[in-house]
Amino acid sequence: MVPDVDPNVCEKTPGAVRAALRRRPDWLRAFEQEWPSTATDFDLPALTDVVDKWFPLARACATPGYLDDVEHTVRRMTEGNTEGMVFWDAEGRAYDAENNPVDAQRCE
């Protein structure tokens, strides 16, 4: 089970976001391309928008075990190994990978 992202694990500053994104070099590269190009215009609202955009990803990177669990789940699904996984629809009903209803009480 994937843990929740810790909302307090990372400060909402450019330096903290940059440090957290080191966990995902591809995200870090994208942030580092976006930040300087915005900073050269000295547009504070645009800079705030860049930090706001990347902050949720930085928190995901900084939460211990979160990305490892997500990446493991994605690998399992890519390989077709969905045994024991529970999926939820928009109304909160639980289903297995074959779209069979699952008793949600068993999943909590």
C-alpha atoms as a PDB file:
ATOM      1  CA  MET A   1       0.000   0.000   0.000  1.00  0.00           C
ATOM      2  CA  VAL A   2       1.375   3.382  -0.997  1.00  0.00           C
ATOM      3  CA  PRO A   3       1.737   5.753   1.970  1.00  0.00           C
ATOM      4  CA  ASP A   4       0.279   9.239   1.840  1.00  0.00           C
ATOM      5  CA  VAL A   5       2.521  12.100   0.801  1.00  0.00           C
ATOM      6  CA  ASP A   6       3.686  13.999   3.879  1.00  0.00           C
ATOM      7  CA  PRO A   7       2.432  17.577   3.454  1.00  0.00           C
ATOM      8  CA  ASN A   8       5.145  18.921   5.773  1.00  0.00           C
ATOM      9  CA  VAL A   9       8.168  17.049   4.425  1.00  0.00           C
ATOM     10  CA  CYS A  10       9.446  19.861   2.206  1.00  0.00           C
ATOM     11  CA  GLU A  11       9.491  23.637   2.448  1.00  0.00           C
ATOM     12  CA  LYS A  12       7.821  25.554  -0.352  1.00  0.00           C
ATOM     13  CA  THR A  13      10.974  27.323  -1.499  1.00  0.00           C
ATOM     14  CA  PRO A  14      12.921  27.030  -4.758  1.00  0.00           C
ATOM     15  CA  GLY A  15      15.932  25.545  -2.938  1.00  0.00           C
ATOM     16  CA  ALA A  16      13.891  22.947  -1.069  1.00  0.00           C
ATOM     17  CA  VAL A  17      12.002  21.982  -4.215  1.00  0.00           C
ATOM     18  CA  ARG A  18      15.277  21.629  -6.121  1.00  0.00           C
ATOM     19  CA  ALA A  19      16.807  19.481  -3.351  1.00  0.00           C
ATOM     20  CA  ALA A  20      13.774  17.181  -3.163  1.00  0.00           C
ATOM     21  CA  LEU A  21      13.580  16.742  -6.936  1.00  0.00           C
ATOM     22  CA  ARG A  22      17.071  15.177  -6.942  1.00  0.00           C
ATOM     23  CA  ARG A  23      15.195  11.910  -6.320  1.00  0.00           C
ATOM     24  CA  ARG A  24      13.930  12.171  -9.921  1.00  0.00           C
ATOM     25  CA  PRO A  25      16.652  13.626 -12.186  1.00  0.00           C
ATOM     26  CA  ASP A  26      14.197  14.025 -15.075  1.00  0.00           C
ATOM     27  CA  TRP A  27      11.912  16.199 -12.935  1.00  0.00           C
ATOM     28  CA  LEU A  28      14.893  18.122 -11.587  1.00  0.00           C
ATOM     29  CA  ARG A  29      16.106  18.881 -15.118  1.00  0.00           C
ATOM     30  CA  ALA A  30      12.649  20.150 -16.087  1.00  0.00           C
ATOM     31  CA  PHE A  31      12.439  22.339 -12.966  1.00  0.00           C
ATOM     32  CA  GLU A  32      15.941  23.691 -13.566  1.00  0.00           C
ATOM     33  CA  GLN A  33      14.995  24.628 -17.129  1.00  0.00           C
ATOM     34  CA  GLU A  34      11.758  26.299 -16.096  1.00  0.00           C
ATOM     35  CA  TRP A  35      13.032  28.193 -13.034  1.00  0.00           C
ATOM     36  CA  PRO A  36      15.890  30.212 -14.629  1.00  0.00           C
ATOM     37  CA  SER A  37      13.884  31.106 -17.701  1.00  0.00           C
ATOM     38  CA  THR A  38      11.182  32.529 -15.437  1.00  0.00           C
ATOM     39  CA  ALA A  39      13.673  34.157 -13.044  1.00  0.00           C
ATOM     40  CA  THR A  40      15.335  36.179 -15.809  1.00  0.00           C
ATOM     41  CA  ASP A  41      12.103  38.171 -16.216  1.00  0.00           C
ATOM     42  CA  PHE A  42      11.942  38.985 -12.467  1.00  0.00           C
ATOM     43  CA  ASP A  43       8.234  38.158 -12.606  1.00  0.00           C
ATOM     44  CA  LEU A  44       7.332  37.200  -9.015  1.00  0.00           C
ATOM     45  CA  PRO A  45       3.892  35.749  -9.859  1.00  0.00           C
ATOM     46  CA  ALA A  46       5.471  33.577 -12.576  1.00  0.00           C
ATOM     47  CA  LEU A  47       8.189  32.407 -10.162  1.00  0.00           C
ATOM     48  CA  THR A  48       5.535  31.566  -7.593  1.00  0.00           C
ATOM     49  CA  ASP A  49       3.652  29.592 -10.266  1.00  0.00           C
ATOM     50  CA  VAL A  50       6.778  27.530 -11.038  1.00  0.00           C
ATOM     51  CA  VAL A  51       7.278  26.664  -7.357  1.00  0.00           C
ATOM     52  CA  ASP A  52       3.545  25.904  -6.996  1.00  0.00           C
ATOM     53  CA  LYS A  53       3.689  23.586 -10.013  1.00  0.00           C
ATOM     54  CA  TRP A  54       6.691  21.574  -8.779  1.00  0.00           C
ATOM     55  CA  PHE A  55       5.939  21.615  -5.033  1.00  0.00           C
ATOM     56  CA  PRO A  56       3.578  18.585  -5.026  1.00  0.00           C
ATOM     57  CA  LEU A  57       6.181  16.559  -6.922  1.00  0.00           C
ATOM     58  CA  ALA A  58       8.894  17.700  -4.518  1.00  0.00           C
ATOM     59  CA  ARG A  59       6.782  16.538  -1.554  1.00  0.00           C
ATOM     60  CA  ALA A  60       6.273  13.174  -3.256  1.00  0.00           C
ATOM     61  CA  CYS A  61      10.036  12.872  -3.750  1.00  0.00           C
ATOM     62  CA  ALA A  62      10.803  13.874  -0.163  1.00  0.00           C
ATOM     63  CA  THR A  63       8.266  11.556   1.502  1.00  0.00           C
ATOM     64  CA  PRO A  64      10.244   8.451   2.528  1.00  0.00           C
ATOM     65  CA  GLY A  65       9.212   5.408   0.508  1.00  0.00           C
ATOM     66  CA  TYR A  66       6.447   7.121  -1.444  1.00  0.00           C
ATOM     67  CA  LEU A  67       7.994   7.070  -4.931  1.00  0.00           C
ATOM     68  CA  ASP A  68       9.492   3.614  -4.340  1.00  0.00           C
ATOM     69  CA  ASP A  69       6.003   2.259  -3.624  1.00  0.00           C
ATOM     70  CA  VAL A  70       4.444   4.068  -6.582  1.00  0.00           C
ATOM     71  CA  GLU A  71       7.182   2.859  -8.957  1.00  0.00           C
ATOM     72  CA  HIS A  72       6.789  -0.706  -7.640  1.00  0.00           C
ATOM     73  CA  THR A  73       3.028  -0.565  -8.247  1.00  0.00           C
ATOM     74  CA  VAL A  74       3.504   0.787 -11.775  1.00  0.00           C
ATOM     75  CA  ARG A  75       6.018  -1.999 -12.532  1.00  0.00           C
ATOM     76  CA  ARG A  76       3.577  -4.634 -11.259  1.00  0.00           C
ATOM     77  CA  MET A  77       0.746  -3.248 -13.369  1.00  0.00           C
ATOM     78  CA  THR A  78       2.977  -2.964 -16.464  1.00  0.00           C
ATOM     79  CA  GLU A  79       3.902  -6.624 -16.022  1.00  0.00           C
ATOM     80  CA  GLY A  80       0.217  -7.541 -15.654  1.00  0.00           C
ATOM     81  CA  ASN A  81       0.637  -8.558 -12.008  1.00  0.00           C
ATOM     82  CA  THR A  82      -2.488  -7.038 -10.465  1.00  0.00           C
ATOM     83  CA  GLU A  83      -3.225  -9.841  -7.993  1.00  0.00           C
ATOM     84  CA  GLY A  84      -4.466  -8.393  -4.736  1.00  0.00           C
ATOM     85  CA  MET A  85      -4.760  -4.857  -6.104  1.00  0.00           C
ATOM     86  CA  VAL A  86      -7.926  -2.899  -5.476  1.00  0.00           C
ATOM     87  CA  PHE A  87      -9.095  -0.099  -7.737  1.00  0.00           C
ATOM     88  CA  TRP A  88     -11.688   2.542  -6.854  1.00  0.00           C
ATOM     89  CA  ASP A  89     -14.199   4.262  -9.125  1.00  0.00           C
ATOM     90  CA  ALA A  90     -15.374   7.867  -8.837  1.00  0.00           C
ATOM     91  CA  GLU A  91     -18.220   6.852  -6.531  1.00  0.00           C
ATOM     92  CA  GLY A  92     -15.831   5.117  -4.107  1.00  0.00           C
ATOM     93  CA  ARG A  93     -16.713   1.522  -5.067  1.00  0.00           C
ATOM     94  CA  ALA A  94     -13.881  -1.014  -4.978  1.00  0.00           C
ATOM     95  CA  TYR A  95     -13.058  -3.397  -7.860  1.00  0.00           C
ATOM     96  CA  ASP A  96     -10.355  -5.902  -8.695  1.00  0.00           C
ATOM     97  CA  ALA A  97      -8.380  -5.806 -11.955  1.00  0.00           C
ATOM     98  CA  GLU A  98     -11.051  -7.860 -13.736  1.00  0.00           C
ATOM     99  CA  ASN A  99     -13.670  -5.252 -12.772  1.00  0.00           C
ATOM    100  CA  ASN A 100     -15.308  -7.491 -10.167  1.00  0.00           C
ATOM    101  CA  PRO A 101     -16.710  -5.700  -7.124  1.00  0.00           C
ATOM    102  CA  VAL A 102     -14.592  -6.081  -3.991  1.00  0.00           C
ATOM    103  CA  ASP A 103     -15.805  -5.857  -0.407  1.00  0.00           C
ATOM    104  CA  ALA A 104     -14.344  -2.514   0.659  1.00  0.00           C
ATOM    105  CA  GLN A 105     -14.441  -3.526   4.328  1.00  0.00           C
ATOM    106  CA  ARG A 106     -11.766  -6.161   3.604  1.00  0.00           C
ATOM    107  CA  CYS A 107      -9.485  -3.549   1.995  1.00  0.00           C
ATOM    108  CA  GLU A 108      -9.198  -1.113   4.865  1.00  0.00           C
END
